[in-house]
Amino acid sequence: MAEKPMGGTQMLAMETQIQEEEIVLTAQGRQRIEEELDRLVTIDRHEVAARIKDAKDYGELTENAEYEAAKNAQAFVEGRILDLKGILSRARLLRYDDIPTDWVGLGAVVTIQDKDFGDDWTVTLVSSYEADPDQDFLSNESPIGKALMGKRIGDTVEVKTPDGIIRYEVISITK
């Protein structure tokens, strides 16, 4: 039996639900988001406004590449400000006491060992809104994060990557 297509009202309700979903942030993640928002509002917004003002002095706006670039930068800054305000308005702070240490969950600091090469890697599991793989903050929605969620010390997970399957063993879980 074919599914009935969604009408506009149903789709709007789904979009609203997605927009209003609670976001769980660690204290560090919330602080990083607040600092980025503060920088965007107090510094970047003013720098872009100054660029627009300077670009207007170059003459005709329709063929002014500097003006167009500054307006694009303004749109990005204003969009990012809205995004960050939205995240913070829906955010719930993950309490330190709620971070598990007997299994892998949000906020847990997990040391895993690559079973093929023996390399250890310590990562912190966070929501996708504060993920930063370069700083070893992995999203619980990433392939590795998904595989680790709920695991205990000694468990082995297999993660499918473009280079093949990587096997990790959970070595330790801390806060």
N, C-alpha and C. Protein backbone atom coordinates (compact mmCIF):
# COMPACT_ATOMS: atom_id res chain seq x y z
N MET A 1 0.85 -1.18 0.00
CA MET A 1 0.00 0.00 0.00
C MET A 1 0.90 1.25 0.00
N ALA A 2 0.64 2.17 -0.89
CA ALA A 2 1.44 3.39 -1.00
C ALA A 2 1.10 4.35 0.13
N GLU A 3 2.14 5.07 0.58
CA GLU A 3 1.92 6.06 1.63
C GLU A 3 1.28 7.30 1.02
N LYS A 4 0.40 7.90 1.78
CA LYS A 4 -0.26 9.12 1.36
C LYS A 4 0.73 10.28 1.47
N PRO A 5 0.89 11.08 0.41
CA PRO A 5 1.83 12.21 0.50
C PRO A 5 1.37 13.22 1.54
N MET A 6 2.35 13.87 2.15
CA MET A 6 2.05 14.86 3.18
C MET A 6 1.57 16.15 2.55
N GLY A 7 0.62 16.77 3.20
CA GLY A 7 0.14 18.07 2.78
C GLY A 7 1.01 19.17 3.36
N GLY A 8 0.77 20.39 2.95
CA GLY A 8 1.56 21.52 3.41
C GLY A 8 1.52 21.72 4.92
N THR A 9 0.35 21.51 5.53
CA THR A 9 0.22 21.69 6.97
C THR A 9 1.03 20.65 7.73
N GLN A 10 1.02 19.40 7.23
CA GLN A 10 1.79 18.34 7.89
C GLN A 10 3.28 18.62 7.77
N MET A 11 3.71 19.07 6.60
CA MET A 11 5.14 19.35 6.41
C MET A 11 5.58 20.51 7.29
N LEU A 12 4.75 21.55 7.42
CA LEU A 12 5.07 22.68 8.27
C LEU A 12 5.17 22.24 9.73
N ALA A 13 4.26 21.36 10.15
CA ALA A 13 4.30 20.85 11.52
C ALA A 13 5.58 20.07 11.76
N MET A 14 6.02 19.26 10.78
CA MET A 14 7.27 18.51 10.93
C MET A 14 8.46 19.45 11.02
N GLU A 15 8.49 20.48 10.16
CA GLU A 15 9.58 21.45 10.18
C GLU A 15 9.63 22.18 11.51
N THR A 16 8.47 22.56 12.04
CA THR A 16 8.41 23.25 13.33
C THR A 16 8.92 22.34 14.43
N GLN A 17 8.54 21.06 14.40
CA GLN A 17 9.01 20.12 15.42
C GLN A 17 10.52 19.99 15.36
N ILE A 18 11.08 19.88 14.14
CA ILE A 18 12.53 19.76 14.00
C ILE A 18 13.20 21.01 14.54
N GLN A 19 12.65 22.19 14.22
CA GLN A 19 13.24 23.44 14.68
C GLN A 19 13.19 23.57 16.19
N GLU A 20 12.19 22.97 16.84
CA GLU A 20 12.02 23.14 18.27
C GLU A 20 12.62 22.00 19.10
N GLU A 21 13.25 21.03 18.45
CA GLU A 21 13.85 19.93 19.20
C GLU A 21 14.89 20.46 20.17
N GLU A 22 14.91 19.84 21.32
CA GLU A 22 15.88 20.22 22.34
C GLU A 22 17.28 19.82 21.87
N ILE A 23 18.22 20.69 22.16
CA ILE A 23 19.63 20.45 21.82
C ILE A 23 20.38 20.32 23.14
N VAL A 24 21.13 19.24 23.28
CA VAL A 24 21.91 19.03 24.50
C VAL A 24 23.34 19.50 24.23
N LEU A 25 23.80 20.41 25.07
CA LEU A 25 25.15 20.95 24.93
C LEU A 25 25.94 20.72 26.22
N THR A 26 27.23 20.47 26.05
CA THR A 26 28.12 20.44 27.21
C THR A 26 28.39 21.89 27.60
N ALA A 27 28.92 22.08 28.79
CA ALA A 27 29.23 23.44 29.24
C ALA A 27 30.25 24.08 28.31
N GLN A 28 31.25 23.30 27.88
CA GLN A 28 32.26 23.82 26.96
C GLN A 28 31.64 24.20 25.62
N GLY A 29 30.76 23.35 25.11
CA GLY A 29 30.12 23.61 23.84
C GLY A 29 29.26 24.85 23.88
N ARG A 30 28.49 25.01 24.96
CA ARG A 30 27.65 26.21 25.10
C ARG A 30 28.54 27.45 25.17
N GLN A 31 29.64 27.37 25.89
CA GLN A 31 30.55 28.51 26.00
C GLN A 31 31.13 28.88 24.63
N ARG A 32 31.54 27.87 23.84
CA ARG A 32 32.09 28.15 22.51
C ARG A 32 31.04 28.82 21.62
N ILE A 33 29.79 28.36 21.69
CA ILE A 33 28.73 28.94 20.88
C ILE A 33 28.45 30.38 21.33
N GLU A 34 28.40 30.61 22.65
CA GLU A 34 28.17 31.96 23.16
C GLU A 34 29.31 32.90 22.76
N GLU A 35 30.56 32.42 22.78
CA GLU A 35 31.69 33.24 22.39
C GLU A 35 31.65 33.58 20.91
N GLU A 36 31.27 32.59 20.08
CA GLU A 36 31.14 32.86 18.64
C GLU A 36 30.05 33.89 18.39
N LEU A 37 28.92 33.74 19.06
CA LEU A 37 27.81 34.69 18.90
C LEU A 37 28.26 36.09 19.32
N ASP A 38 28.94 36.19 20.44
CA ASP A 38 29.41 37.49 20.92
C ASP A 38 30.36 38.13 19.91
N ARG A 39 31.27 37.33 19.34
CA ARG A 39 32.23 37.86 18.35
C ARG A 39 31.48 38.33 17.09
N LEU A 40 30.52 37.54 16.64
CA LEU A 40 29.76 37.92 15.45
C LEU A 40 29.00 39.24 15.66
N VAL A 41 28.39 39.40 16.84
CA VAL A 41 27.58 40.58 17.11
C VAL A 41 28.44 41.81 17.37
N THR A 42 29.51 41.63 18.15
CA THR A 42 30.29 42.80 18.57
C THR A 42 31.43 43.17 17.63
N ILE A 43 31.92 42.23 16.86
CA ILE A 43 33.08 42.53 15.99
C ILE A 43 32.73 42.36 14.52
N ASP A 44 32.37 41.12 14.12
CA ASP A 44 32.18 40.82 12.70
C ASP A 44 31.08 41.67 12.06
N ARG A 45 29.98 41.83 12.76
CA ARG A 45 28.86 42.62 12.22
C ARG A 45 29.32 44.05 11.90
N HIS A 46 30.11 44.64 12.80
CA HIS A 46 30.59 46.02 12.60
C HIS A 46 31.63 46.09 11.48
N GLU A 47 32.49 45.06 11.40
CA GLU A 47 33.49 45.04 10.33
C GLU A 47 32.81 44.94 8.96
N VAL A 48 31.79 44.12 8.85
CA VAL A 48 31.08 43.97 7.58
C VAL A 48 30.36 45.27 7.23
N ALA A 49 29.75 45.92 8.20
CA ALA A 49 29.07 47.20 7.94
C ALA A 49 30.08 48.23 7.42
N ALA A 50 31.28 48.23 7.99
CA ALA A 50 32.32 49.16 7.53
C ALA A 50 32.75 48.82 6.10
N ARG A 51 32.83 47.53 5.78
CA ARG A 51 33.18 47.12 4.42
C ARG A 51 32.12 47.58 3.42
N ILE A 52 30.86 47.46 3.80
CA ILE A 52 29.78 47.90 2.92
C ILE A 52 29.86 49.40 2.69
N LYS A 53 30.09 50.13 3.77
CA LYS A 53 30.20 51.59 3.65
C LYS A 53 31.36 51.98 2.74
N ASP A 54 32.51 51.34 2.92
CA ASP A 54 33.67 51.63 2.07
C ASP A 54 33.40 51.26 0.62
N ALA A 55 32.76 50.11 0.42
CA ALA A 55 32.49 49.65 -0.94
C ALA A 55 31.54 50.58 -1.68
N LYS A 56 30.62 51.21 -0.96
CA LYS A 56 29.70 52.16 -1.59
C LYS A 56 30.45 53.35 -2.18
N ASP A 57 31.60 53.66 -1.60
CA ASP A 57 32.40 54.79 -2.07
C ASP A 57 33.10 54.49 -3.40
N TYR A 58 33.10 53.21 -3.82
CA TYR A 58 33.76 52.84 -5.08
C TYR A 58 32.93 53.17 -6.31
N GLY A 59 31.72 53.62 -6.10
CA GLY A 59 30.91 54.04 -7.25
C GLY A 59 29.71 53.16 -7.48
N GLU A 60 29.38 52.95 -8.74
CA GLU A 60 28.20 52.20 -9.19
C GLU A 60 28.12 50.84 -8.48
N LEU A 61 26.99 50.61 -7.80
CA LEU A 61 26.84 49.39 -7.01
C LEU A 61 26.56 48.16 -7.85
N THR A 62 25.98 48.31 -9.03
CA THR A 62 25.62 47.14 -9.83
C THR A 62 26.83 46.39 -10.34
N GLU A 63 27.96 47.04 -10.51
CA GLU A 63 29.17 46.38 -11.00
C GLU A 63 30.30 46.47 -9.96
N ASN A 64 29.94 46.56 -8.71
CA ASN A 64 30.92 46.75 -7.65
C ASN A 64 31.14 45.42 -6.92
N ALA A 65 32.24 44.75 -7.24
CA ALA A 65 32.54 43.43 -6.67
C ALA A 65 32.77 43.52 -5.16
N GLU A 66 33.38 44.59 -4.71
CA GLU A 66 33.62 44.76 -3.27
C GLU A 66 32.30 44.86 -2.51
N TYR A 67 31.38 45.62 -3.06
CA TYR A 67 30.07 45.79 -2.44
C TYR A 67 29.33 44.45 -2.39
N GLU A 68 29.36 43.72 -3.49
CA GLU A 68 28.68 42.42 -3.57
C GLU A 68 29.29 41.45 -2.55
N ALA A 69 30.61 41.41 -2.44
CA ALA A 69 31.28 40.53 -1.48
C ALA A 69 30.92 40.91 -0.05
N ALA A 70 30.87 42.20 0.23
CA ALA A 70 30.53 42.67 1.58
C ALA A 70 29.08 42.33 1.92
N LYS A 71 28.17 42.48 0.96
CA LYS A 71 26.76 42.13 1.20
C LYS A 71 26.63 40.61 1.44
N ASN A 72 27.38 39.81 0.71
CA ASN A 72 27.37 38.35 0.95
C ASN A 72 27.91 38.03 2.34
N ALA A 73 28.96 38.71 2.74
CA ALA A 73 29.52 38.50 4.08
C ALA A 73 28.49 38.90 5.14
N GLN A 74 27.78 39.98 4.89
CA GLN A 74 26.75 40.43 5.83
C GLN A 74 25.65 39.37 5.95
N ALA A 75 25.23 38.81 4.83
CA ALA A 75 24.19 37.78 4.86
C ALA A 75 24.67 36.56 5.65
N PHE A 76 25.93 36.18 5.46
CA PHE A 76 26.47 35.04 6.20
C PHE A 76 26.49 35.33 7.70
N VAL A 77 27.01 36.48 8.09
CA VAL A 77 27.10 36.85 9.51
C VAL A 77 25.71 36.88 10.14
N GLU A 78 24.77 37.53 9.49
CA GLU A 78 23.42 37.63 10.05
C GLU A 78 22.75 36.26 10.13
N GLY A 79 22.97 35.42 9.13
CA GLY A 79 22.43 34.07 9.15
C GLY A 79 23.01 33.24 10.28
N ARG A 80 24.32 33.36 10.46
CA ARG A 80 24.99 32.61 11.54
C ARG A 80 24.52 33.10 12.91
N ILE A 81 24.32 34.40 13.06
CA ILE A 81 23.80 34.94 14.33
C ILE A 81 22.43 34.32 14.62
N LEU A 82 21.56 34.27 13.62
CA LEU A 82 20.23 33.67 13.82
C LEU A 82 20.35 32.19 14.19
N ASP A 83 21.24 31.47 13.49
CA ASP A 83 21.44 30.05 13.79
C ASP A 83 21.87 29.85 15.25
N LEU A 84 22.87 30.61 15.67
CA LEU A 84 23.40 30.45 17.03
C LEU A 84 22.37 30.83 18.09
N LYS A 85 21.61 31.89 17.83
CA LYS A 85 20.55 32.27 18.77
C LYS A 85 19.51 31.16 18.86
N GLY A 86 19.17 30.56 17.73
CA GLY A 86 18.23 29.45 17.72
C GLY A 86 18.74 28.24 18.49
N ILE A 87 20.01 27.93 18.31
CA ILE A 87 20.61 26.81 19.04
C ILE A 87 20.55 27.08 20.54
N LEU A 88 20.97 28.26 20.94
CA LEU A 88 20.99 28.58 22.38
C LEU A 88 19.59 28.62 22.97
N SER A 89 18.60 29.04 22.19
CA SER A 89 17.24 29.10 22.72
C SER A 89 16.66 27.70 22.95
N ARG A 90 17.15 26.71 22.21
CA ARG A 90 16.64 25.34 22.35
C ARG A 90 17.58 24.45 23.16
N ALA A 91 18.69 25.03 23.63
CA ALA A 91 19.72 24.22 24.28
C ALA A 91 19.38 23.89 25.73
N ARG A 92 19.73 22.67 26.10
CA ARG A 92 19.69 22.23 27.48
C ARG A 92 21.12 21.87 27.85
N LEU A 93 21.57 22.40 28.96
CA LEU A 93 22.94 22.15 29.39
C LEU A 93 23.04 20.74 29.98
N LEU A 94 23.99 19.98 29.48
CA LEU A 94 24.25 18.64 30.01
C LEU A 94 24.97 18.81 31.35
N ARG A 95 24.31 18.38 32.41
CA ARG A 95 24.91 18.50 33.74
C ARG A 95 26.05 17.49 33.88
N TYR A 96 27.08 17.89 34.58
CA TYR A 96 28.24 17.03 34.80
C TYR A 96 27.81 15.69 35.40
N ASP A 97 26.86 15.73 36.33
CA ASP A 97 26.39 14.50 36.98
C ASP A 97 25.65 13.57 36.03
N ASP A 98 25.18 14.09 34.89
CA ASP A 98 24.44 13.27 33.92
C ASP A 98 25.36 12.58 32.91
N ILE A 99 26.64 12.89 32.95
CA ILE A 99 27.58 12.26 32.01
C ILE A 99 27.92 10.87 32.53
N PRO A 100 27.64 9.84 31.73
CA PRO A 100 27.89 8.47 32.19
C PRO A 100 29.37 8.10 32.14
N THR A 101 29.77 7.22 33.03
CA THR A 101 31.14 6.70 32.99
C THR A 101 31.17 5.17 32.90
N ASP A 102 30.00 4.53 33.00
CA ASP A 102 29.97 3.07 32.88
C ASP A 102 29.56 2.64 31.47
N TRP A 103 29.14 3.58 30.65
CA TRP A 103 28.84 3.34 29.25
C TRP A 103 29.04 4.65 28.50
N VAL A 104 29.15 4.59 27.18
CA VAL A 104 29.42 5.77 26.37
C VAL A 104 28.11 6.51 26.11
N GLY A 105 28.09 7.78 26.50
CA GLY A 105 26.95 8.66 26.26
C GLY A 105 27.43 10.07 26.01
N LEU A 106 26.51 10.99 25.80
CA LEU A 106 26.88 12.39 25.56
C LEU A 106 27.72 12.94 26.70
N GLY A 107 28.78 13.63 26.34
CA GLY A 107 29.66 14.24 27.31
C GLY A 107 30.79 13.34 27.78
N ALA A 108 30.68 12.04 27.50
CA ALA A 108 31.71 11.10 27.96
C ALA A 108 33.01 11.31 27.19
N VAL A 109 34.12 11.21 27.92
CA VAL A 109 35.45 11.24 27.33
C VAL A 109 35.88 9.78 27.19
N VAL A 110 36.05 9.35 25.96
CA VAL A 110 36.25 7.94 25.67
C VAL A 110 37.61 7.73 25.00
N THR A 111 38.38 6.79 25.55
CA THR A 111 39.62 6.40 24.89
C THR A 111 39.34 5.10 24.16
N ILE A 112 39.62 5.13 22.85
CA ILE A 112 39.42 3.96 22.02
C ILE A 112 40.76 3.56 21.41
N GLN A 113 40.88 2.28 21.09
CA GLN A 113 42.12 1.79 20.49
C GLN A 113 41.80 1.17 19.14
N ASP A 114 42.54 1.59 18.13
CA ASP A 114 42.42 1.01 16.80
C ASP A 114 42.96 -0.41 16.88
N LYS A 115 42.11 -1.41 16.64
CA LYS A 115 42.48 -2.81 16.82
C LYS A 115 43.49 -3.30 15.78
N ASP A 116 43.61 -2.61 14.64
CA ASP A 116 44.56 -3.04 13.62
C ASP A 116 45.94 -2.42 13.81
N PHE A 117 45.98 -1.19 14.33
CA PHE A 117 47.26 -0.49 14.45
C PHE A 117 47.69 -0.25 15.90
N GLY A 118 46.79 -0.44 16.86
CA GLY A 118 47.12 -0.27 18.26
C GLY A 118 47.16 1.17 18.74
N ASP A 119 46.79 2.12 17.88
CA ASP A 119 46.81 3.54 18.26
C ASP A 119 45.63 3.85 19.18
N ASP A 120 45.89 4.61 20.24
CA ASP A 120 44.83 5.08 21.13
C ASP A 120 44.39 6.46 20.69
N TRP A 121 43.10 6.75 20.88
CA TRP A 121 42.52 8.04 20.51
C TRP A 121 41.50 8.39 21.57
N THR A 122 41.62 9.56 22.18
CA THR A 122 40.68 10.00 23.20
C THR A 122 39.78 11.06 22.59
N VAL A 123 38.46 10.80 22.66
CA VAL A 123 37.47 11.68 22.06
C VAL A 123 36.40 12.01 23.10
N THR A 124 35.71 13.11 22.88
CA THR A 124 34.56 13.48 23.70
C THR A 124 33.33 13.41 22.80
N LEU A 125 32.29 12.69 23.27
CA LEU A 125 31.06 12.56 22.50
C LEU A 125 30.16 13.74 22.81
N VAL A 126 29.77 14.48 21.77
CA VAL A 126 28.95 15.68 21.91
C VAL A 126 27.85 15.67 20.86
N SER A 127 26.92 16.62 20.96
CA SER A 127 25.89 16.75 19.93
C SER A 127 26.52 17.29 18.65
N SER A 128 25.80 17.17 17.57
CA SER A 128 26.32 17.63 16.28
C SER A 128 26.55 19.15 16.27
N TYR A 129 25.87 19.88 17.15
CA TYR A 129 25.99 21.34 17.16
C TYR A 129 27.33 21.82 17.74
N GLU A 130 28.00 20.96 18.47
CA GLU A 130 29.29 21.37 19.03
C GLU A 130 30.44 20.47 18.59
N ALA A 131 30.17 19.60 17.61
CA ALA A 131 31.21 18.70 17.12
C ALA A 131 32.35 19.48 16.49
N ASP A 132 33.56 19.02 16.74
CA ASP A 132 34.77 19.60 16.16
C ASP A 132 35.81 18.48 16.11
N PRO A 133 35.78 17.68 15.04
CA PRO A 133 36.69 16.53 14.95
C PRO A 133 38.16 16.90 15.09
N ASP A 134 38.54 18.10 14.63
CA ASP A 134 39.94 18.52 14.76
C ASP A 134 40.36 18.66 16.22
N GLN A 135 39.39 18.90 17.12
CA GLN A 135 39.66 19.02 18.55
C GLN A 135 39.22 17.76 19.31
N ASP A 136 38.92 16.68 18.57
CA ASP A 136 38.49 15.40 19.13
C ASP A 136 37.14 15.46 19.83
N PHE A 137 36.26 16.37 19.39
CA PHE A 137 34.87 16.41 19.84
C PHE A 137 34.04 15.78 18.73
N LEU A 138 33.62 14.53 18.93
CA LEU A 138 32.90 13.80 17.91
C LEU A 138 31.40 13.84 18.16
N SER A 139 30.66 14.03 17.09
CA SER A 139 29.20 14.04 17.17
C SER A 139 28.69 12.63 17.45
N ASN A 140 27.64 12.57 18.27
CA ASN A 140 26.99 11.29 18.51
C ASN A 140 26.25 10.81 17.27
N GLU A 141 26.17 11.66 16.24
CA GLU A 141 25.53 11.29 14.99
C GLU A 141 26.53 10.88 13.91
N SER A 142 27.83 11.05 14.18
CA SER A 142 28.86 10.65 13.22
C SER A 142 28.95 9.12 13.22
N PRO A 143 29.55 8.54 12.20
CA PRO A 143 29.68 7.07 12.18
C PRO A 143 30.37 6.50 13.42
N ILE A 144 31.46 7.11 13.84
CA ILE A 144 32.17 6.61 15.03
C ILE A 144 31.33 6.86 16.27
N GLY A 145 30.76 8.06 16.39
CA GLY A 145 29.93 8.39 17.55
C GLY A 145 28.75 7.46 17.68
N LYS A 146 28.05 7.20 16.57
CA LYS A 146 26.91 6.27 16.60
C LYS A 146 27.35 4.89 17.08
N ALA A 147 28.49 4.44 16.55
CA ALA A 147 28.97 3.09 16.91
C ALA A 147 29.33 3.00 18.38
N LEU A 148 29.84 4.10 18.95
CA LEU A 148 30.29 4.07 20.35
C LEU A 148 29.16 4.24 21.37
N MET A 149 28.10 4.94 20.99
CA MET A 149 27.02 5.22 21.94
C MET A 149 26.50 3.93 22.58
N GLY A 150 26.46 3.93 23.92
CA GLY A 150 25.93 2.79 24.67
C GLY A 150 26.93 1.68 24.94
N LYS A 151 28.12 1.78 24.36
CA LYS A 151 29.12 0.72 24.55
C LYS A 151 29.79 0.88 25.91
N ARG A 152 30.41 -0.22 26.35
CA ARG A 152 31.09 -0.27 27.64
C ARG A 152 32.56 -0.58 27.44
N ILE A 153 33.35 -0.40 28.49
CA ILE A 153 34.77 -0.72 28.42
C ILE A 153 34.93 -2.18 28.01
N GLY A 154 35.83 -2.40 27.04
CA GLY A 154 36.07 -3.75 26.53
C GLY A 154 35.29 -4.08 25.28
N ASP A 155 34.21 -3.32 25.00
CA ASP A 155 33.42 -3.56 23.79
C ASP A 155 34.23 -3.14 22.56
N THR A 156 34.01 -3.85 21.46
CA THR A 156 34.63 -3.51 20.18
C THR A 156 33.55 -3.10 19.21
N VAL A 157 33.81 -2.02 18.47
CA VAL A 157 32.87 -1.55 17.46
C VAL A 157 33.55 -1.58 16.10
N GLU A 158 32.75 -1.74 15.08
CA GLU A 158 33.25 -1.67 13.71
C GLU A 158 32.61 -0.48 13.03
N VAL A 159 33.45 0.33 12.39
CA VAL A 159 32.97 1.55 11.75
C VAL A 159 33.34 1.48 10.27
N LYS A 160 32.32 1.63 9.42
CA LYS A 160 32.55 1.61 7.98
C LYS A 160 33.03 2.98 7.54
N THR A 161 34.18 3.02 6.89
CA THR A 161 34.75 4.27 6.38
C THR A 161 35.03 4.10 4.89
N PRO A 162 35.33 5.18 4.18
CA PRO A 162 35.68 5.05 2.76
C PRO A 162 36.90 4.14 2.54
N ASP A 163 37.76 4.04 3.54
CA ASP A 163 38.95 3.19 3.42
C ASP A 163 38.70 1.77 3.88
N GLY A 164 37.50 1.46 4.29
CA GLY A 164 37.17 0.11 4.77
C GLY A 164 36.67 0.14 6.20
N ILE A 165 36.60 -1.03 6.80
CA ILE A 165 36.11 -1.18 8.17
C ILE A 165 37.25 -0.92 9.15
N ILE A 166 36.99 -0.08 10.15
CA ILE A 166 37.95 0.16 11.22
C ILE A 166 37.34 -0.38 12.51
N ARG A 167 38.12 -1.12 13.26
CA ARG A 167 37.64 -1.69 14.52
C ARG A 167 38.30 -0.94 15.68
N TYR A 168 37.47 -0.52 16.63
CA TYR A 168 37.95 0.17 17.82
C TYR A 168 37.48 -0.59 19.06
N GLU A 169 38.36 -0.62 20.08
CA GLU A 169 37.96 -1.17 21.37
C GLU A 169 37.87 -0.01 22.35
N VAL A 170 36.82 -0.02 23.18
CA VAL A 170 36.65 1.00 24.20
C VAL A 170 37.60 0.66 25.34
N ILE A 171 38.55 1.55 25.61
CA ILE A 171 39.58 1.34 26.63
C ILE A 171 39.17 1.97 27.95
N SER A 172 38.64 3.20 27.91
CA SER A 172 38.22 3.88 29.13
C SER A 172 37.11 4.87 28.83
N ILE A 173 36.32 5.17 29.89
CA ILE A 173 35.23 6.14 29.80
C ILE A 173 35.32 7.00 31.06
N THR A 174 35.48 8.31 30.86
CA THR A 174 35.56 9.24 31.98
C THR A 174 34.69 10.46 31.68
N LYS A 175 34.70 11.42 32.62
CA LYS A 175 33.97 12.68 32.41
C LYS A 175 34.94 13.74 32.00
